[in-house]
Amino acid sequence: MISIRRFLLILALAATANAHAQFTSAPSLQPAQLAIVINDAEPNSVKIGEYYRKRRNIPKNNVVHVNIPDKPHEISAERFQELKEEIDGQLGPEIQAVLMVWTAPYKVECNSITSAYTLGFDASQCVKTCASGRSSPYFNSRSTRPYTDLKLRLSMLLPTESVADAKALIDRGASAGFRIVPATAYYLITSETARNSRAGFFPPPGHIEARKLSTKTMKADTLEGVKDVMIYQTGMAHVDKLETLHFLPGALADHLTSLGGDLLGDGQMSSLRWLEAGATASYGSVSEPCNYWQKFPNPAVLLTNYVQGNSAIEAYWKSVAWPTQGLFIGEPLAAPYRKRPR
C-alpha cells in the first residue's frame, strides 16, 4: 500500500512536471456561491464588507449581518454555536463558502473560528492541543461544491484592522487571473529544525511551463529581494525581510509556527504580517498544535490544487489534513490559474 507521504510527493512531482505537461483548470468557487458575514458592531467590517460585495459582484441576498461587540479575540463554544446558527439560518443550499469580515473574534476556545464554522467545534482538541487532530473530509478533495457534496461550507476571515489595507487585499485578489505572469513558488528549509516538519513535501525544483511557474527549494532562514512570489512557505517563529519582497496578485504565504493564527497576539509573528506584506491569503494556528505536518498547509497539495485553477479558499482548505486549530485568512476568490472565459 502506498504511504500518504509518498502519494503526496507523487502529486508534487506531477504538479512540477516538464514543459510538456498539460493542466486542465478546475472550476473555482463563484461569487454567487459565497456568503459575506458582516459585523454591524464594527464600522470597518461594514465598510469593507460592502466594498468586497461590490468589487466581487456578490449578490445582496448573500450578505448576513451579525452583532459581535468589543472585538473579543476568543469566544466560547456556546456563543459560537449561537453565531453559527444565526448565520446558517440565512443561507440557501447554493452557498458553498462563507467569508467573515472582521479580524476578531478569530478563536473559539482552542479552535480557530474558520474551522469551528466549517467542521464544527471540536472540544476534544482542547483537552490536549498537541494531540493529533480530527481529519478533514475535504483534504485533497476533488469536490468543487463542498456543501453540496460534503455538507461543509468552507470559511475564511477577511481582516479589518485597516480599511485601506483590506481594500488593497481585495483588489489584489480580484486582479489575480486576468493573465498568467512569470512567478515562483519558494520553499525554505530553515535553521529552526522543529519547524521543518513539512519539508519532505516541498515540490522538487522545476518549471510548469503552462503556468509560467517555477518552484525553488532553499536552505535559508530568509527570502530577500525577489519580485515574483506566488507561493512562499517556510518554518520560522518570525519571518524577516518581508518588506523586500514583491508578492504577485493571488500569492499564498504562511509559516509553520505555533501561534501564527493568534492574529492580535504578540508571542510570535502573526499571519497578518503576510497580508500586510502583499500576500493575498495565509494560514496560522490559534493554539499550540505541535509540529504535525497535518495541521499545516501541505505544500504539494496546495500547489497542485492552486495551479489547477482552485480559488485561494479551496486550495488552502484542501491542503490541511487536520485543520481544527488553523485559521484561514485573506481574499477567498483569488484564483490566478482559473480557467478564463474565451
Protein backbone atom coordinates (compact mmCIF):
# COMPACT_ATOMS: atom_id res chain seq x y z
CA MET A 1 0.00 0.00 0.00
CA ILE A 2 1.35 3.42 -0.92
CA SER A 3 2.01 5.74 2.05
CA ILE A 4 0.31 9.13 2.30
CA ARG A 5 3.73 10.83 2.25
CA ARG A 6 4.74 9.05 -0.96
CA PHE A 7 1.34 9.71 -2.50
CA LEU A 8 1.62 13.43 -1.84
CA LEU A 9 5.14 13.54 -3.19
CA ILE A 10 3.83 11.97 -6.38
CA LEU A 11 1.32 14.82 -6.54
CA ALA A 12 4.16 17.29 -6.15
CA LEU A 13 6.11 15.70 -8.96
CA ALA A 14 3.05 15.78 -11.18
CA ALA A 15 2.50 19.44 -10.38
CA THR A 16 6.06 20.34 -11.33
CA ALA A 17 6.29 18.28 -14.47
CA ASN A 18 8.23 19.46 -17.51
CA ALA A 19 7.17 21.95 -20.11
CA HIS A 20 5.10 19.36 -21.97
CA ALA A 21 2.75 18.85 -19.01
CA GLN A 22 -0.87 19.66 -19.69
CA PHE A 23 -3.12 21.09 -16.99
CA THR A 24 -6.89 21.25 -17.03
CA SER A 25 -8.33 24.07 -14.97
CA ALA A 26 -10.82 23.05 -12.33
CA PRO A 27 -13.85 25.30 -11.89
CA SER A 28 -13.24 27.59 -8.92
CA LEU A 29 -15.68 28.98 -6.38
CA GLN A 30 -18.01 31.57 -7.92
CA PRO A 31 -19.20 34.85 -6.32
CA ALA A 32 -22.82 33.64 -6.22
CA GLN A 33 -21.68 30.68 -4.09
CA LEU A 34 -20.02 32.85 -1.43
CA ALA A 35 -21.77 34.46 1.54
CA ILE A 36 -20.39 37.52 3.32
CA VAL A 37 -20.86 37.90 7.09
CA ILE A 38 -20.61 41.49 8.33
CA ASN A 39 -20.28 42.52 11.98
CA ASP A 40 -22.54 45.55 12.39
CA ALA A 41 -20.83 46.37 15.70
CA GLU A 42 -17.58 47.14 13.85
CA PRO A 43 -17.62 50.10 11.39
CA ASN A 44 -14.64 48.72 9.44
CA SER A 45 -16.47 45.44 8.88
CA VAL A 46 -19.44 47.30 7.43
CA LYS A 47 -17.28 49.41 5.08
CA ILE A 48 -15.07 46.57 3.92
CA GLY A 49 -17.93 44.10 3.58
CA GLU A 50 -19.81 46.42 1.23
CA TYR A 51 -16.64 47.18 -0.73
CA TYR A 52 -15.99 43.47 -1.16
CA ARG A 53 -19.58 42.76 -2.19
CA LYS A 54 -19.42 45.34 -4.96
CA ARG A 55 -15.86 44.52 -6.04
CA ARG A 56 -16.68 40.84 -6.39
CA ASN A 57 -20.27 41.26 -7.52
CA ILE A 58 -21.67 39.22 -4.64
CA PRO A 59 -25.49 39.07 -4.68
CA LYS A 60 -27.07 41.23 -1.97
CA ASN A 61 -29.03 38.22 -0.74
CA ASN A 62 -25.72 36.57 0.15
CA VAL A 63 -24.93 39.14 2.85
CA VAL A 64 -25.54 38.21 6.50
CA HIS A 65 -25.42 40.76 9.33
CA VAL A 66 -24.43 39.82 12.90
CA ASN A 67 -23.56 41.82 16.00
CA ILE A 68 -20.37 40.99 17.92
CA PRO A 69 -19.39 43.93 20.16
CA ASP A 70 -15.93 44.72 21.58
CA LYS A 71 -13.82 42.62 19.17
CA PRO A 72 -13.00 39.74 21.53
CA HIS A 73 -10.08 37.61 20.38
CA GLU A 74 -11.83 34.48 21.65
CA ILE A 75 -15.45 33.44 22.16
CA SER A 76 -16.94 30.48 23.98
CA ALA A 77 -18.25 27.40 22.24
CA GLU A 78 -21.77 28.33 23.40
CA ARG A 79 -21.59 31.86 21.95
CA PHE A 80 -20.11 30.49 18.75
CA GLN A 81 -22.92 27.98 18.33
CA GLU A 82 -25.45 30.81 18.57
CA LEU A 83 -23.48 32.75 15.97
CA LYS A 84 -23.24 29.79 13.61
CA GLU A 85 -26.95 29.08 13.84
CA GLU A 86 -27.68 32.75 13.15
CA ILE A 87 -25.51 32.66 10.02
CA ASP A 88 -26.63 29.28 8.72
CA GLY A 89 -30.27 30.19 9.15
CA GLN A 90 -29.90 32.83 6.43
CA LEU A 91 -28.06 30.73 3.84
CA GLY A 92 -29.50 28.78 0.96
CA PRO A 93 -28.21 25.43 -0.35
CA GLU A 94 -26.30 27.14 -3.16
CA ILE A 95 -23.85 28.75 -0.71
CA GLN A 96 -20.62 26.74 -0.66
CA ALA A 97 -18.41 29.07 1.40
CA VAL A 98 -18.55 31.92 3.90
CA LEU A 99 -16.33 34.97 4.35
CA MET A 100 -16.32 36.56 7.82
CA VAL A 101 -15.38 40.21 7.51
CA TRP A 102 -13.55 41.03 10.74
CA THR A 103 -10.24 40.41 12.48
CA ALA A 104 -11.59 39.30 15.84
CA PRO A 105 -13.02 37.02 17.09
CA TYR A 106 -10.70 34.52 15.44
CA LYS A 107 -10.71 31.82 18.10
CA VAL A 108 -13.37 29.54 19.63
CA GLU A 109 -11.63 28.27 22.76
CA CYS A 110 -8.71 26.29 21.21
CA ASN A 111 -10.33 26.03 17.74
CA SER A 112 -9.99 28.61 15.00
CA ILE A 113 -13.28 30.29 14.14
CA THR A 114 -12.97 29.23 10.50
CA SER A 115 -12.50 25.55 11.30
CA ALA A 116 -15.17 25.62 14.01
CA TYR A 117 -17.57 27.05 11.45
CA THR A 118 -16.73 24.61 8.65
CA LEU A 119 -16.18 21.39 10.59
CA GLY A 120 -17.98 22.13 13.86
CA PHE A 121 -16.39 22.91 17.23
CA ASP A 122 -14.08 20.13 18.47
CA ALA A 123 -13.92 20.16 22.28
CA SER A 124 -11.65 17.12 22.37
CA GLN A 125 -8.79 19.06 20.77
CA CYS A 126 -8.82 21.45 23.72
CA VAL A 127 -8.13 18.67 26.23
CA LYS A 128 -4.66 18.40 24.73
CA THR A 129 -3.92 20.77 21.89
CA CYS A 130 -0.76 18.85 20.97
CA ALA A 131 -2.74 15.68 20.33
CA SER A 132 -3.42 14.54 16.79
CA GLY A 133 -6.32 16.33 15.12
CA ARG A 134 -9.62 15.44 13.51
CA SER A 135 -9.35 14.59 9.83
CA SER A 136 -10.98 16.89 7.30
CA PRO A 137 -13.07 15.12 4.65
CA TYR A 138 -12.15 17.99 2.31
CA PHE A 139 -8.40 17.28 2.48
CA ASN A 140 -7.13 16.91 -1.11
CA SER A 141 -10.74 16.50 -2.22
CA ARG A 142 -11.85 16.66 -5.84
CA SER A 143 -15.10 18.31 -4.83
CA THR A 144 -15.97 21.62 -6.45
CA ARG A 145 -19.08 22.08 -4.27
CA PRO A 146 -18.16 21.23 -0.68
CA TYR A 147 -21.55 21.99 0.83
CA THR A 148 -23.43 20.08 -1.85
CA ASP A 149 -21.08 17.10 -1.71
CA LEU A 150 -19.90 17.02 1.91
CA LYS A 151 -22.24 19.34 3.84
CA LEU A 152 -19.24 21.57 4.63
CA ARG A 153 -19.19 25.29 3.96
CA LEU A 154 -15.62 26.50 3.66
CA SER A 155 -14.83 29.64 5.64
CA MET A 156 -12.20 32.35 5.69
CA LEU A 157 -11.58 35.56 7.64
CA LEU A 158 -11.02 38.91 5.90
CA PRO A 159 -9.15 41.10 8.43
CA THR A 160 -10.40 44.62 9.01
CA GLU A 161 -7.76 46.36 11.13
CA SER A 162 -7.13 48.82 8.30
CA VAL A 163 -9.73 49.78 5.70
CA ALA A 164 -7.01 50.79 3.24
CA ASP A 165 -5.10 47.52 3.67
CA ALA A 166 -8.28 45.47 3.36
CA LYS A 167 -9.28 47.23 0.14
CA ALA A 168 -5.79 46.68 -1.28
CA LEU A 169 -6.04 42.98 -0.36
CA ILE A 170 -9.43 42.70 -2.06
CA ASP A 171 -8.09 44.44 -5.16
CA ARG A 172 -5.13 42.03 -5.32
CA GLY A 173 -7.46 39.06 -5.18
CA ALA A 174 -9.77 40.49 -7.81
CA SER A 175 -6.90 41.27 -10.20
CA ALA A 176 -5.41 37.76 -9.95
CA GLY A 177 -6.06 35.65 -13.00
CA PHE A 178 -6.57 38.25 -15.72
CA ARG A 179 -3.37 36.97 -17.26
CA ILE A 180 -0.75 34.45 -16.24
CA VAL A 181 2.59 36.07 -15.40
CA PRO A 182 6.01 34.51 -14.66
CA ALA A 183 6.10 33.56 -10.98
CA THR A 184 7.91 31.39 -8.46
CA ALA A 185 6.85 29.20 -5.55
CA TYR A 186 9.52 29.43 -2.83
CA TYR A 187 10.03 26.78 -0.13
CA LEU A 188 12.52 27.39 2.68
CA ILE A 189 14.17 24.78 4.88
CA THR A 190 15.32 26.83 7.87
CA SER A 191 17.65 26.51 10.84
CA GLU A 192 14.61 26.09 13.12
CA THR A 193 14.58 22.34 12.57
CA ALA A 194 11.40 21.60 14.51
CA ARG A 195 9.52 23.86 12.08
CA ASN A 196 10.70 21.93 9.01
CA SER A 197 8.27 19.04 9.50
CA ARG A 198 6.63 19.55 6.11
CA ALA A 199 9.89 19.98 4.17
CA GLY A 200 9.53 16.42 2.89
CA PHE A 201 6.50 17.60 0.93
CA PHE A 202 8.24 20.55 -0.74
CA PRO A 203 7.90 20.10 -4.50
CA PRO A 204 11.16 19.44 -6.32
CA PRO A 205 12.75 22.27 -8.28
CA GLY A 206 11.15 22.61 -11.67
CA HIS A 207 9.05 24.68 -14.03
CA ILE A 208 5.42 24.40 -15.01
CA GLU A 209 5.53 25.91 -18.48
CA ALA A 210 1.75 26.03 -18.90
CA ARG A 211 1.54 28.20 -15.78
CA LYS A 212 4.85 30.07 -16.17
CA LEU A 213 5.56 28.96 -12.61
CA SER A 214 8.91 27.82 -11.22
CA THR A 215 9.44 26.00 -7.93
CA LYS A 216 12.53 26.59 -5.78
CA THR A 217 13.57 24.95 -2.51
CA MET A 218 16.24 26.74 -0.49
CA LYS A 219 18.15 26.06 2.73
CA ALA A 220 17.83 29.51 4.26
CA ASP A 221 16.12 31.39 7.06
CA THR A 222 15.22 34.36 4.89
CA LEU A 223 13.98 35.09 1.40
CA GLU A 224 15.10 38.54 0.35
CA GLY A 225 14.67 40.88 -2.60
CA VAL A 226 12.70 38.66 -5.01
CA LYS A 227 9.87 40.18 -7.01
CA ASP A 228 7.92 37.21 -8.37
CA VAL A 229 6.41 35.48 -5.31
CA MET A 230 3.29 33.39 -5.92
CA ILE A 231 3.81 30.94 -3.03
CA TYR A 232 6.11 31.30 -0.01
CA GLN A 233 6.15 28.57 2.63
CA THR A 234 8.65 28.38 5.46
CA GLY A 235 9.07 27.38 9.09
CA MET A 236 10.04 30.23 11.42
CA ALA A 237 8.60 31.91 14.52
CA HIS A 238 9.37 35.28 12.90
CA VAL A 239 9.96 35.80 9.18
CA ASP A 240 12.32 38.64 8.28
CA LYS A 241 12.79 40.73 5.14
CA LEU A 242 9.13 40.64 4.07
CA GLU A 243 9.36 44.31 3.17
CA THR A 244 11.92 43.47 0.44
CA LEU A 245 9.60 41.08 -1.41
CA HIS A 246 7.01 41.60 -4.11
CA PHE A 247 4.01 39.28 -3.88
CA LEU A 248 2.05 38.81 -7.10
CA PRO A 249 -1.76 39.11 -7.07
CA GLY A 250 -3.17 35.89 -5.64
CA ALA A 251 0.02 34.99 -3.74
CA LEU A 252 -0.26 32.49 -0.86
CA ALA A 253 2.19 32.61 2.06
CA ASP A 254 2.42 31.01 5.50
CA HIS A 255 4.91 29.97 8.17
CA LEU A 256 4.84 26.81 10.27
CA THR A 257 4.91 28.02 13.86
CA SER A 258 2.78 27.61 16.96
CA LEU A 259 0.68 30.77 17.03
CA GLY A 260 0.63 32.49 13.65
CA GLY A 261 -3.17 32.45 13.81
CA ASP A 262 -3.19 34.43 17.07
CA LEU A 263 -3.70 37.46 14.88
CA LEU A 264 -3.57 40.15 17.56
CA GLY A 265 -1.19 38.36 19.92
CA ASP A 266 2.44 39.32 20.44
CA GLY A 267 4.13 35.97 21.09
CA GLN A 268 5.11 35.06 17.50
CA MET A 269 4.70 36.59 14.07
CA SER A 270 1.02 37.00 13.24
CA SER A 271 -0.24 35.73 9.89
CA LEU A 272 -1.50 39.27 9.35
CA ARG A 273 2.09 40.24 8.52
CA TRP A 274 1.89 38.18 5.33
CA LEU A 275 -1.17 40.09 4.14
CA GLU A 276 0.38 43.41 5.08
CA ALA A 277 3.46 42.46 3.04
CA GLY A 278 1.32 41.81 -0.05
CA ALA A 279 0.17 38.19 0.09
CA THR A 280 -3.47 37.52 -0.77
CA ALA A 281 -4.17 34.66 1.65
CA SER A 282 -2.47 32.95 4.58
CA TYR A 283 -2.90 30.46 7.41
CA GLY A 284 -1.85 30.10 11.04
CA SER A 285 -2.65 28.15 14.20
CA VAL A 286 -4.57 29.80 17.06
CA SER A 287 -3.40 27.37 19.77
CA GLU A 288 -0.28 25.24 20.30
CA PRO A 289 -0.55 22.46 17.69
CA CYS A 290 2.96 20.97 17.97
CA ASN A 291 4.65 20.45 14.64
CA TYR A 292 2.41 17.87 12.98
CA TRP A 293 2.62 18.48 9.25
CA GLN A 294 -1.07 17.52 9.07
CA LYS A 295 -2.01 20.69 11.00
CA PHE A 296 -0.45 22.99 8.40
CA PRO A 297 -0.87 23.54 4.65
CA ASN A 298 0.72 20.68 2.76
CA PRO A 299 2.93 22.25 0.08
CA ALA A 300 2.33 19.52 -2.52
CA VAL A 301 -1.45 19.59 -2.16
CA LEU A 302 -1.62 23.39 -2.03
CA LEU A 303 0.45 23.83 -5.17
CA THR A 304 -1.33 21.11 -7.12
CA ASN A 305 -4.81 22.44 -6.45
CA TYR A 306 -3.89 26.09 -6.94
CA VAL A 307 -2.26 25.60 -10.34
CA GLN A 308 -5.25 23.53 -11.43
CA GLY A 309 -7.47 26.58 -11.00
CA ASN A 310 -8.88 26.33 -7.48
CA SER A 311 -9.55 29.55 -5.61
CA ALA A 312 -7.43 30.51 -2.59
CA ILE A 313 -10.03 29.29 -0.10
CA GLU A 314 -10.42 25.94 -1.88
CA ALA A 315 -6.71 25.28 -2.34
CA TYR A 316 -5.86 26.25 1.25
CA TRP A 317 -8.67 24.18 2.76
CA LYS A 318 -7.78 21.17 0.61
CA SER A 319 -4.16 21.38 1.80
CA VAL A 320 -4.74 20.91 5.56
CA ALA A 321 -5.45 17.40 6.81
CA TRP A 322 -6.19 18.35 10.46
CA PRO A 323 -7.39 21.99 10.38
CA THR A 324 -9.15 22.31 13.77
CA GLN A 325 -6.62 24.80 15.16
CA GLY A 326 -5.86 26.52 11.86
CA LEU A 327 -7.19 29.92 10.81
CA PHE A 328 -7.66 30.70 7.10
CA ILE A 329 -7.37 34.41 6.27
CA GLY A 330 -7.39 36.54 3.13
CA GLU A 331 -9.39 37.01 -0.06
CA PRO A 332 -11.13 33.71 -0.81
CA LEU A 333 -11.97 34.09 -4.50
CA ALA A 334 -8.44 34.81 -5.73
CA ALA A 335 -7.65 32.26 -8.46
CA PRO A 336 -4.68 33.24 -10.65
CA TYR A 337 -4.79 29.95 -12.58
CA ARG A 338 -8.53 29.60 -13.04
CA LYS A 339 -9.94 28.81 -16.45
CA ARG A 340 -10.67 32.11 -18.15
CA PRO A 341 -13.64 32.51 -20.48
CA ARG A 342 -12.79 32.78 -24.15
